[in-house]
Amino acid sequence: MDEFIKREIILDNYQNPKHFGNPNSNDYIKVNMNSKSCIDEVNIYLKLNNNIIEDIMFDGEACAICTSSSSIMTNLLLGKTKEEAINIINNFHNMIDEKEYNKEILEEALVYDTIYKQPNRIKCATLAWDGAKKALNGDIDNE
């Protein structure tokens, strides 16, 4: 993917994040994620219905990379089965870790295919993805 297009996608998802907000409903699994290395703190809200992600949202305070990555992730996982979503998340991590991955299923998330060159930004790009995986695996401690 062209570097200019990558920047445009990241900027658009930062300035106009998709699925941003708090559903204020007990029907959602909530996972709070914090970065120890920067300001990033996001909450992931996930609603499953018959093993399908019926809704997914996020809110919080985060840098451009974290916000855009969260937006791209929520857009990508919405409507997927739990298994499909975990597969997408695993492929995203494989891409970040420079391992073999399926480009076809990552769509806009491919903008982060070279984030490994900036090790201090990897946590920013993966924070929400880790939160979604925790929610899908039931690894949560709701307040």
Protein backbone atom coordinates (compact mmCIF):
# COMPACT_ATOMS: atom_id res chain seq x y z
CA MET A 1 0.00 0.00 0.00
CA ASP A 2 1.26 3.44 -0.91
CA GLU A 3 2.62 5.49 2.05
CA PHE A 4 0.42 8.49 1.14
CA ILE A 5 -2.71 6.33 1.18
CA LYS A 6 -1.64 4.82 4.52
CA ARG A 7 -1.30 8.28 6.06
CA GLU A 8 -4.69 9.31 4.68
CA ILE A 9 -6.40 6.24 6.16
CA ILE A 10 -4.71 6.73 9.54
CA LEU A 11 -5.56 10.43 9.62
CA ASP A 12 -9.18 9.87 8.59
CA ASN A 13 -9.69 7.18 11.26
CA TYR A 14 -8.07 9.46 13.86
CA GLN A 15 -10.08 12.56 13.00
CA ASN A 16 -13.35 10.70 12.31
CA PRO A 17 -13.15 7.46 14.32
CA LYS A 18 -15.74 4.85 13.50
CA HIS A 19 -17.72 3.26 16.32
CA PHE A 20 -16.43 5.77 18.89
CA GLY A 21 -18.53 6.19 22.00
CA ASN A 22 -19.87 4.53 25.11
CA PRO A 23 -23.04 2.46 24.70
CA ASN A 24 -23.98 2.96 28.37
CA SER A 25 -25.55 -0.48 28.40
CA ASN A 26 -25.00 -3.60 30.46
CA ASP A 27 -25.47 -5.68 27.29
CA TYR A 28 -21.83 -5.07 26.37
CA ILE A 29 -18.63 -6.71 27.53
CA LYS A 30 -16.28 -3.91 28.60
CA VAL A 31 -12.50 -4.15 28.67
CA ASN A 32 -10.26 -1.28 29.77
CA MET A 33 -6.79 -1.16 28.26
CA ASN A 34 -3.93 1.10 29.38
CA SER A 35 -0.49 1.62 27.95
CA LYS A 36 2.35 1.77 30.43
CA SER A 37 4.52 3.70 27.98
CA CYS A 38 2.21 6.57 26.97
CA ILE A 39 -1.14 8.29 27.45
CA ASP A 40 -3.22 5.66 25.62
CA GLU A 41 -6.23 4.38 27.53
CA VAL A 42 -9.14 2.83 25.68
CA ASN A 43 -12.28 1.00 26.65
CA ILE A 44 -13.56 -1.66 24.29
CA TYR A 45 -17.29 -2.40 24.34
CA LEU A 46 -18.35 -5.62 22.64
CA LYS A 47 -21.83 -7.06 22.19
CA LEU A 48 -22.13 -10.67 21.07
CA ASN A 49 -25.36 -12.19 19.78
CA ASN A 50 -25.36 -15.87 18.78
CA ASN A 51 -21.54 -15.85 18.57
CA ILE A 52 -21.55 -12.82 16.21
CA ILE A 53 -20.21 -9.36 17.06
CA GLU A 54 -23.45 -7.43 16.88
CA ASP A 55 -21.82 -4.20 18.00
CA ILE A 56 -18.36 -3.00 18.97
CA MET A 57 -17.35 0.44 20.17
CA PHE A 58 -14.45 2.16 21.86
CA ASP A 59 -13.76 5.33 23.79
CA GLY A 60 -10.95 6.85 25.77
CA GLU A 61 -7.96 9.10 25.33
CA ALA A 62 -5.29 7.96 22.91
CA CYS A 63 -2.73 9.06 20.34
CA ALA A 64 -3.39 9.14 16.60
CA ILE A 65 -2.01 5.62 16.03
CA CYS A 66 -4.04 4.06 18.84
CA THR A 67 -7.26 5.90 17.94
CA SER A 68 -7.01 5.12 14.23
CA SER A 69 -6.09 1.49 14.89
CA SER A 70 -9.07 1.16 17.27
CA SER A 71 -11.39 2.65 14.65
CA ILE A 72 -10.10 0.37 11.89
CA MET A 73 -10.38 -2.65 14.19
CA THR A 74 -13.98 -1.97 15.25
CA ASN A 75 -15.01 -1.47 11.64
CA LEU A 76 -13.28 -4.69 10.62
CA LEU A 77 -14.64 -6.89 13.43
CA LEU A 78 -18.27 -5.74 13.34
CA GLY A 79 -20.53 -8.53 12.09
CA LYS A 80 -17.86 -11.23 12.35
CA THR A 81 -18.22 -14.43 14.33
CA LYS A 82 -16.10 -14.79 17.44
CA GLU A 83 -13.82 -17.24 15.60
CA GLU A 84 -13.46 -14.97 12.55
CA ALA A 85 -12.64 -12.00 14.79
CA ILE A 86 -9.98 -13.93 16.73
CA ASN A 87 -8.47 -15.07 13.43
CA ILE A 88 -8.34 -11.45 12.19
CA ILE A 89 -6.75 -10.30 15.46
CA ASN A 90 -4.18 -13.10 15.30
CA ASN A 91 -3.35 -12.19 11.70
CA PHE A 92 -2.95 -8.53 12.71
CA HIS A 93 -0.47 -9.55 15.41
CA ASN A 94 1.38 -11.81 12.99
CA MET A 95 1.71 -8.85 10.62
CA ILE A 96 3.02 -6.63 13.43
CA ASP A 97 5.44 -9.38 14.53
CA GLU A 98 6.70 -9.86 10.95
CA LYS A 99 5.29 -13.38 10.74
CA GLU A 100 3.22 -14.94 7.98
CA TYR A 101 -0.30 -13.50 7.78
CA ASN A 102 -3.33 -13.34 5.49
CA LYS A 103 -3.43 -9.90 3.85
CA GLU A 104 -6.89 -10.55 2.40
CA ILE A 105 -8.68 -10.37 5.75
CA LEU A 106 -6.92 -7.32 7.22
CA GLU A 107 -8.26 -4.70 4.79
CA GLU A 108 -7.47 -1.18 6.11
CA ALA A 109 -5.46 -2.64 9.01
CA LEU A 110 -2.70 -3.19 6.45
CA VAL A 111 -1.74 0.47 7.04
CA TYR A 112 0.21 -0.83 10.03
CA ASP A 113 2.26 -3.39 8.10
CA THR A 114 5.50 -1.47 8.77
CA ILE A 115 4.80 -0.34 12.35
CA TYR A 116 7.42 -2.85 13.51
CA LYS A 117 10.00 -0.32 12.28
CA GLN A 118 8.84 1.94 15.14
CA PRO A 119 8.93 -0.36 18.19
CA ASN A 120 7.70 2.41 20.50
CA ARG A 121 4.46 2.61 18.44
CA ILE A 122 3.62 -1.11 18.41
CA LYS A 123 1.71 -0.91 21.70
CA CYS A 124 -0.26 2.05 20.32
CA ALA A 125 -1.30 0.03 17.27
CA THR A 126 -2.17 -3.15 19.19
CA LEU A 127 -3.80 -1.90 22.41
CA ALA A 128 -7.43 -2.06 21.23
CA TRP A 129 -6.83 -5.33 19.38
CA ASP A 130 -5.57 -6.89 22.62
CA GLY A 131 -8.65 -5.55 24.41
CA ALA A 132 -11.02 -7.01 21.82
CA LYS A 133 -9.31 -10.40 22.09
CA LYS A 134 -9.65 -10.29 25.88
CA ALA A 135 -13.36 -9.50 25.51
CA LEU A 136 -13.87 -12.31 23.01
CA ASN A 137 -12.03 -14.79 25.24
CA GLY A 138 -13.98 -13.69 28.34
CA ASP A 139 -10.75 -12.49 29.99
CA ILE A 140 -12.34 -9.47 31.65
CA ASP A 141 -12.92 -7.88 35.01
CA ASN A 142 -15.95 -5.66 34.64
CA GLU A 143 -16.39 -2.95 37.21
